Amino acid sequence: MIIMKFESNTASGKAFGSQKAVYHLSDFEFWSGGKDTVKDLTQDELKQIETMLEDIYPDGITEMTLNDFFWFERDTIAEWLGYCSFVEIMER
């Protein structure tokens, strides 16, 4: 499961508190390019990616960082899944 970090900020931009929620990637509501990436992945592939992200972000990840990862790191995702590029995933 992915730990999501939410930070509350004051007007000065300093964090004064944070909350955490736990999601499976299959339950997360991606948007824009992140949503486009996820539509090409299977549930098993999402589980594989989730395991990798848990190792990389043991203290949690923000929703924006997670969505941006899926939006802009498609080739990284493809490599984690054993493909040369995300285009291979889209064309299967």
Protein backbone atom coordinates (compact mmCIF):
# COMPACT_ATOMS: atom_id res chain seq x y z
CA MET A 1 0.00 0.00 0.00
CA ILE A 2 1.12 3.53 -0.74
CA ILE A 3 1.18 6.03 2.12
CA MET A 4 -0.09 9.40 0.97
CA LYS A 5 1.22 12.51 2.72
CA PHE A 6 -0.91 15.62 2.99
CA GLU A 7 0.67 18.76 4.39
CA SER A 8 -1.19 21.77 5.67
CA ASN A 9 0.58 25.08 5.17
CA THR A 10 0.29 28.46 6.79
CA ALA A 11 0.22 31.63 4.75
CA SER A 12 4.01 31.83 5.13
CA GLY A 13 4.40 28.47 3.42
CA LYS A 14 5.64 26.62 6.51
CA ALA A 15 4.11 23.24 7.23
CA PHE A 16 2.33 23.10 10.58
CA GLY A 17 0.80 19.65 10.37
CA SER A 18 0.39 16.65 8.15
CA GLN A 19 -2.03 13.81 7.68
CA LYS A 20 -1.53 10.43 6.08
CA ALA A 21 -3.82 8.08 4.21
CA VAL A 22 -3.09 4.67 2.76
CA TYR A 23 -4.10 3.64 -0.76
CA HIS A 24 -3.59 0.86 -3.20
CA LEU A 25 -2.73 2.26 -6.61
CA SER A 26 -5.84 0.61 -8.02
CA ASP A 27 -7.94 2.78 -5.65
CA PHE A 28 -6.13 6.06 -6.27
CA GLU A 29 -7.91 8.63 -8.45
CA PHE A 30 -5.31 9.72 -11.00
CA TRP A 31 -5.94 12.77 -13.18
CA SER A 32 -4.73 14.15 -16.52
CA GLY A 33 -1.63 12.35 -17.86
CA GLY A 34 -1.41 10.07 -14.82
CA LYS A 35 -4.90 8.78 -15.62
CA ASP A 36 -3.89 8.21 -19.25
CA THR A 37 -0.90 6.13 -18.15
CA VAL A 38 -2.86 3.95 -15.73
CA LYS A 39 -5.47 3.01 -18.34
CA ASP A 40 -2.75 1.06 -20.22
CA LEU A 41 -1.67 -0.97 -17.17
CA THR A 42 -3.09 -4.18 -15.72
CA GLN A 43 -3.94 -4.67 -12.04
CA ASP A 44 -0.91 -6.95 -11.69
CA GLU A 45 1.33 -4.27 -13.18
CA LEU A 46 -0.07 -1.68 -10.78
CA LYS A 47 0.77 -4.02 -7.89
CA GLN A 48 4.36 -4.35 -9.18
CA ILE A 49 4.71 -0.58 -9.44
CA GLU A 50 3.18 -0.14 -5.98
CA THR A 51 5.85 -2.42 -4.51
CA MET A 52 8.62 -0.38 -6.16
CA LEU A 53 7.15 2.91 -4.95
CA GLU A 54 6.86 1.60 -1.39
CA ASP A 55 10.61 0.97 -1.43
CA ILE A 56 11.44 4.37 -2.95
CA TYR A 57 9.04 6.35 -0.71
CA PRO A 58 8.94 4.48 2.62
CA ASP A 59 7.73 7.61 4.45
CA GLY A 60 4.97 8.32 1.95
CA ILE A 61 4.39 10.31 -1.21
CA THR A 62 2.12 13.23 -1.99
CA GLU A 63 -0.79 12.82 -4.37
CA MET A 64 0.80 15.31 -6.76
CA THR A 65 4.14 13.48 -6.78
CA LEU A 66 2.41 10.15 -7.38
CA ASN A 67 0.29 11.49 -10.22
CA ASP A 68 3.25 13.32 -11.77
CA PHE A 69 5.33 10.13 -11.61
CA PHE A 70 2.70 8.28 -13.65
CA TRP A 71 2.32 11.24 -15.99
CA PHE A 72 5.98 12.01 -16.72
CA GLU A 73 7.89 8.81 -15.95
CA ARG A 74 6.20 6.41 -18.35
CA ASP A 75 9.46 4.95 -19.63
CA THR A 76 10.63 4.33 -16.05
CA ILE A 77 7.40 2.47 -15.41
CA ALA A 78 7.92 0.47 -18.60
CA GLU A 79 11.47 -0.47 -17.55
CA TRP A 80 10.25 -1.60 -14.12
CA LEU A 81 7.78 -3.86 -15.93
CA GLY A 82 10.40 -5.29 -18.31
CA TYR A 83 9.67 -3.21 -21.42
CA CYS A 84 12.02 -0.95 -23.36
CA SER A 85 9.52 1.91 -23.57
CA PHE A 86 5.95 2.72 -22.63
CA VAL A 87 5.03 2.62 -26.31
CA GLU A 88 5.47 -1.17 -26.14
CA ILE A 89 2.87 -1.32 -23.38
CA MET A 90 0.45 0.87 -25.33
CA GLU A 91 0.82 -1.25 -28.48
CA ARG A 92 0.29 -4.67 -26.95
